[in-house]
């Protein structure tokens, strides 16, 4: 069982940061050899280990990699997942950690997020021009579309009236308005910084047109890779891993490494 970067033969540091609202978050950092770094963000109910394969090849190409965790995930503190409302404080704490490292040029920081981690990375990057480039690996386009897909996947019930009912009770319990969780709005604000969007055609977690919607919403420079056989954030698995490494490294070399 893979438990840490050491299982991949990687040199790393255990990292803890504290958010503005007082939560302790845990992560791993793989030191940089080219003064550039990538924040690698897991998805919903995921953890740091989910991105170890990606971190390995990025680090092999010289990048510092921050395997960050969000509140209410992994061994980090927090009880509520707010789909971006409070997690921006988490991203800010991790970003600040990188800005304080002597091996990192503050002008050479990118992000790679998968699933919900990709969507929330887009929100953070939209608000922070210091993030130079963004890779979205199986990010949802709109939360409401994802709820509809999940309803069909697990129950085969029709969207109406069940999706509105789910969203009503979600808003009542959390105070979060689902219509505001919209990655197409966030990705639109990232230009002129580049975004690379990846979507698998065998994704059973989010609608398979999510990547196309994000690509259409984004402005140049942008790139899109649709792979018919890939599952949800499955580009870092065989048989796609070699091409995934090639394309992701080329993207960050061009826009982050300098």
Protein backbone atom coordinates (compact mmCIF):
# COMPACT_ATOMS: atom_id res chain seq x y z
CA UNK A 1 0.00 0.00 0.00
CA UNK A 2 1.36 3.40 -1.02
CA UNK A 3 1.47 5.66 2.02
CA UNK A 4 3.94 8.44 1.26
CA UNK A 5 6.35 9.79 -1.40
CA UNK A 6 9.00 7.51 0.13
CA UNK A 7 7.17 4.58 -1.46
CA UNK A 8 8.03 6.18 -4.83
CA UNK A 9 11.64 6.75 -3.78
CA UNK A 10 11.07 10.51 -3.50
CA UNK A 11 12.72 12.99 -1.16
CA UNK A 12 10.07 14.99 0.66
CA UNK A 13 9.17 17.05 3.69
CA UNK A 14 6.09 16.80 5.91
CA UNK A 15 4.39 20.19 5.92
CA UNK A 16 1.74 21.75 8.14
CA UNK A 17 0.08 25.12 7.55
CA UNK A 18 -2.60 27.01 9.47
CA UNK A 19 -5.44 28.80 7.71
CA UNK A 20 -6.72 32.26 8.60
CA UNK A 21 -9.69 30.66 10.39
CA UNK A 22 -7.36 28.49 12.47
CA UNK A 23 -7.42 25.05 10.83
CA UNK A 24 -4.26 22.96 10.59
CA UNK A 25 -3.74 21.37 7.17
CA UNK A 26 -1.23 18.66 6.30
CA UNK A 27 0.79 18.18 3.13
CA UNK A 28 3.99 16.92 1.56
CA UNK A 29 6.56 18.98 -0.29
CA UNK A 30 9.03 17.64 -2.86
CA UNK A 31 11.90 20.17 -3.17
CA UNK A 32 12.47 22.04 -6.44
CA UNK A 33 15.60 21.90 -8.57
CA UNK A 34 14.50 24.46 -11.18
CA UNK A 35 13.05 27.17 -8.87
CA UNK A 36 9.52 26.40 -10.12
CA UNK A 37 6.73 24.61 -8.26
CA UNK A 38 3.31 23.09 -8.82
CA UNK A 39 0.54 22.87 -6.24
CA UNK A 40 -1.07 19.44 -6.77
CA UNK A 41 -4.60 19.33 -5.41
CA UNK A 42 -6.67 16.21 -4.71
CA UNK A 43 -10.40 15.95 -5.34
CA UNK A 44 -13.55 15.38 -3.29
CA UNK A 45 -12.97 12.93 -0.41
CA UNK A 46 -9.46 12.36 -1.76
CA UNK A 47 -6.05 12.82 -0.15
CA UNK A 48 -2.39 13.55 -0.92
CA UNK A 49 -1.65 10.03 -2.13
CA UNK A 50 -3.99 10.49 -5.11
CA UNK A 51 -1.43 12.64 -6.94
CA UNK A 52 1.79 10.80 -6.11
CA UNK A 53 2.23 9.45 -9.65
CA UNK A 54 1.88 12.97 -11.05
CA UNK A 55 4.16 14.40 -8.38
CA UNK A 56 6.82 11.82 -9.21
CA UNK A 57 7.19 12.80 -12.85
CA UNK A 58 6.94 16.53 -12.14
CA UNK A 59 9.68 16.25 -9.54
CA UNK A 60 11.79 14.13 -11.89
CA UNK A 61 11.67 17.06 -14.32
CA UNK A 62 12.90 19.44 -11.62
CA UNK A 63 9.67 20.90 -10.26
CA UNK A 64 8.94 21.37 -6.62
CA UNK A 65 5.60 19.73 -5.90
CA UNK A 66 3.31 20.66 -3.03
CA UNK A 67 0.88 17.82 -2.36
CA UNK A 68 -1.67 19.84 -0.44
CA UNK A 69 -4.79 18.74 1.39
CA UNK A 70 -8.02 20.63 1.97
CA UNK A 71 -10.04 21.04 5.14
CA UNK A 72 -12.18 18.03 6.11
CA UNK A 73 -9.92 15.80 3.98
CA UNK A 74 -6.95 13.54 4.66
CA UNK A 75 -5.56 14.23 8.16
CA UNK A 76 -6.36 17.95 7.98
CA UNK A 77 -8.69 19.63 10.43
CA UNK A 78 -12.20 20.75 9.59
CA UNK A 79 -15.60 19.09 9.38
CA UNK A 80 -17.38 20.74 6.46
CA UNK A 81 -16.63 20.59 2.73
CA UNK A 82 -17.91 23.87 1.29
CA UNK A 83 -17.01 23.42 -2.41
CA UNK A 84 -14.95 26.60 -2.56
CA UNK A 85 -16.53 28.97 -0.07
CA UNK A 86 -14.04 28.31 2.75
CA UNK A 87 -11.41 26.32 0.87
CA UNK A 88 -9.94 29.49 -0.66
CA UNK A 89 -8.37 30.04 2.77
CA UNK A 90 -6.71 26.63 2.41
CA UNK A 91 -5.27 27.48 -1.00
CA UNK A 92 -4.05 30.83 0.32
CA UNK A 93 -2.22 29.12 3.20
CA UNK A 94 -0.53 26.63 0.86
CA UNK A 95 0.38 29.34 -1.64
CA UNK A 96 1.88 31.43 1.15
CA UNK A 97 3.98 28.45 2.22
CA UNK A 98 5.51 28.21 -1.27
CA UNK A 99 6.14 31.96 -1.39
CA UNK A 100 8.25 31.61 1.75
CA UNK A 101 10.53 28.89 0.38
CA UNK A 102 14.04 29.80 -0.75
CA UNK A 103 14.06 27.18 -3.53
CA UNK A 104 11.03 28.74 -5.26
CA UNK A 105 10.78 31.79 -7.52
CA UNK A 106 7.42 33.41 -6.61
CA UNK A 107 6.86 34.09 -10.31
CA UNK A 108 7.10 30.38 -11.18
CA UNK A 109 4.17 28.71 -9.46
CA UNK A 110 1.52 26.67 -11.26
CA UNK A 111 -1.37 24.48 -10.16
CA UNK A 112 -2.73 21.07 -11.12
CA UNK A 113 -6.00 19.90 -9.64
CA UNK A 114 -8.15 16.87 -10.24
CA UNK A 115 -11.94 16.70 -10.01
CA UNK A 116 -13.20 19.07 -7.29
CA UNK A 117 -9.57 20.02 -6.65
CA UNK A 118 -9.34 21.21 -10.25
CA UNK A 119 -12.52 23.24 -10.03
CA UNK A 120 -11.42 24.94 -6.80
CA UNK A 121 -7.92 25.50 -8.20
CA UNK A 122 -9.59 27.41 -11.04
CA UNK A 123 -11.42 29.56 -8.51
CA UNK A 124 -8.21 30.32 -6.63
CA UNK A 125 -6.22 31.01 -9.81
CA UNK A 126 -8.94 33.37 -11.01
CA UNK A 127 -8.44 35.42 -7.85
CA UNK A 128 -4.63 35.24 -7.78
CA UNK A 129 -2.60 36.39 -10.79
CA UNK A 130 0.57 34.99 -9.19
CA UNK A 131 -0.58 31.52 -10.31
CA UNK A 132 1.04 31.34 -13.73
CA UNK A 133 -0.61 28.28 -15.30
CA UNK A 134 -3.32 25.77 -14.48
CA UNK A 135 -4.01 22.12 -15.38
CA UNK A 136 -7.59 20.93 -14.83
CA UNK A 137 -7.73 17.13 -14.66
CA UNK A 138 -11.37 15.96 -14.84
CA UNK A 139 -12.78 19.12 -13.26
CA UNK A 140 -16.55 19.57 -13.21
CA UNK A 141 -18.00 22.47 -15.19
CA UNK A 142 -21.01 23.26 -12.98
CA UNK A 143 -21.91 21.68 -9.67
CA UNK A 144 -25.59 21.42 -10.62
CA UNK A 145 -24.68 19.30 -13.67
CA UNK A 146 -22.57 17.04 -11.46
CA UNK A 147 -25.44 16.51 -9.00
CA UNK A 148 -27.65 15.51 -11.91
CA UNK A 149 -25.03 13.03 -13.14
CA UNK A 150 -24.63 11.54 -9.66
CA UNK A 151 -28.39 11.19 -9.25
CA UNK A 152 -28.63 9.25 -12.49
CA UNK A 153 -25.58 7.13 -11.67
CA UNK A 154 -26.73 6.00 -8.25
CA UNK A 155 -30.54 6.02 -8.53
CA UNK A 156 -31.54 6.36 -12.20
CA UNK A 157 -34.15 8.91 -11.05
CA UNK A 158 -35.15 11.81 -13.33
CA UNK A 159 -33.55 15.24 -12.72
CA UNK A 160 -36.90 16.84 -11.89
CA UNK A 161 -38.02 17.13 -9.17
CA UNK A 162 -35.13 15.40 -7.43
CA UNK A 163 -32.18 17.66 -8.33
CA UNK A 164 -33.99 20.83 -7.14
CA UNK A 165 -34.92 19.00 -3.92
CA UNK A 166 -31.31 17.93 -3.32
CA UNK A 167 -30.02 21.45 -3.95
CA UNK A 168 -32.69 22.96 -1.69
CA UNK A 169 -31.72 20.77 1.26
CA UNK A 170 -28.03 21.28 0.57
CA UNK A 171 -28.48 25.05 0.67
CA UNK A 172 -30.52 24.77 3.85
CA UNK A 173 -27.86 22.69 5.60
CA UNK A 174 -24.74 24.54 4.43
CA UNK A 175 -25.88 27.98 3.30
CA UNK A 176 -24.17 27.39 -0.04
CA UNK A 177 -26.00 28.37 -3.23
CA UNK A 178 -25.24 25.64 -5.77
CA UNK A 179 -25.52 27.96 -8.77
CA UNK A 180 -22.46 29.89 -7.55
CA UNK A 181 -20.27 26.76 -7.83
CA UNK A 182 -19.50 27.19 -11.51
CA UNK A 183 -16.04 26.46 -12.87
CA UNK A 184 -16.95 27.95 -16.26
CA UNK A 185 -17.18 31.35 -14.56
CA UNK A 186 -13.85 30.94 -12.80
CA UNK A 187 -11.89 29.61 -15.77
CA UNK A 188 -13.09 32.57 -17.84
CA UNK A 189 -11.17 34.90 -15.52
CA UNK A 190 -7.78 33.19 -15.79
CA UNK A 191 -6.66 34.55 -19.19
CA UNK A 192 -4.08 35.74 -20.22
CA UNK A 193 -2.60 32.97 -18.09
CA UNK A 194 -2.86 29.53 -19.74
CA UNK A 195 -5.10 26.63 -18.86
CA UNK A 196 -4.85 22.98 -19.95
CA UNK A 197 -8.11 21.00 -19.66
CA UNK A 198 -8.30 17.18 -19.64
CA UNK A 199 -11.52 15.18 -19.92
CA UNK A 200 -12.09 11.45 -20.20
CA UNK A 201 -14.88 9.98 -22.27
CA UNK A 202 -15.41 7.14 -19.78
CA UNK A 203 -15.83 9.50 -16.81
CA UNK A 204 -18.71 8.25 -14.67
CA UNK A 205 -18.48 10.97 -11.98
CA UNK A 206 -19.05 14.16 -13.97
CA UNK A 207 -20.78 14.83 -17.32
CA UNK A 208 -18.38 13.99 -20.14
CA UNK A 209 -19.07 17.36 -21.77
CA UNK A 210 -17.60 19.14 -18.72
CA UNK A 211 -14.19 19.51 -20.34
CA UNK A 212 -15.67 20.92 -23.54
CA UNK A 213 -17.73 23.44 -21.56
CA UNK A 214 -14.63 24.56 -19.68
CA UNK A 215 -12.61 24.81 -22.87
CA UNK A 216 -15.29 26.94 -24.54
CA UNK A 217 -15.52 29.19 -21.47
CA UNK A 218 -11.76 29.73 -21.23
CA UNK A 219 -9.92 32.36 -23.25
CA UNK A 220 -6.55 31.93 -24.92
CA UNK A 221 -4.04 30.56 -24.27
CA UNK A 222 -5.77 27.24 -23.68
CA UNK A 223 -5.44 23.58 -24.60
CA UNK A 224 -7.83 20.63 -24.43
CA UNK A 225 -7.22 16.90 -24.35
CA UNK A 226 -10.26 14.64 -24.67
CA UNK A 227 -9.46 10.96 -24.31
CA UNK A 228 -12.45 8.67 -25.09
CA UNK A 229 -11.29 5.74 -22.94
CA UNK A 230 -10.09 7.61 -19.86
CA UNK A 231 -12.02 7.38 -16.59
CA UNK A 232 -12.45 10.09 -13.95
CA UNK A 233 -9.01 11.65 -13.32
CA UNK A 234 -7.56 8.59 -15.02
CA UNK A 235 -4.94 10.24 -17.22
CA UNK A 236 -2.23 9.42 -14.66
CA UNK A 237 -2.86 5.69 -15.15
CA UNK A 238 -1.78 3.33 -17.89
CA UNK A 239 -2.02 3.47 -20.85
CA UNK A 240 -2.29 7.28 -20.72
CA UNK A 241 0.44 8.07 -18.17
CA UNK A 242 3.38 8.47 -20.63
CA UNK A 243 1.46 10.91 -22.83
CA UNK A 244 0.05 12.65 -19.74
CA UNK A 245 3.57 13.20 -18.46
CA UNK A 246 4.76 14.47 -21.82
CA UNK A 247 1.94 16.97 -22.25
CA UNK A 248 1.79 18.23 -18.67
CA UNK A 249 5.56 18.72 -18.40
CA UNK A 250 5.65 20.51 -21.77
CA UNK A 251 2.84 22.79 -20.59
CA UNK A 252 4.55 23.73 -17.33
CA UNK A 253 7.96 24.02 -19.04
CA UNK A 254 6.52 26.54 -21.45
CA UNK A 255 4.49 28.64 -19.03
CA UNK A 256 5.95 28.17 -15.54
CA UNK A 257 9.56 27.07 -15.74
CA UNK A 258 10.60 30.12 -17.74
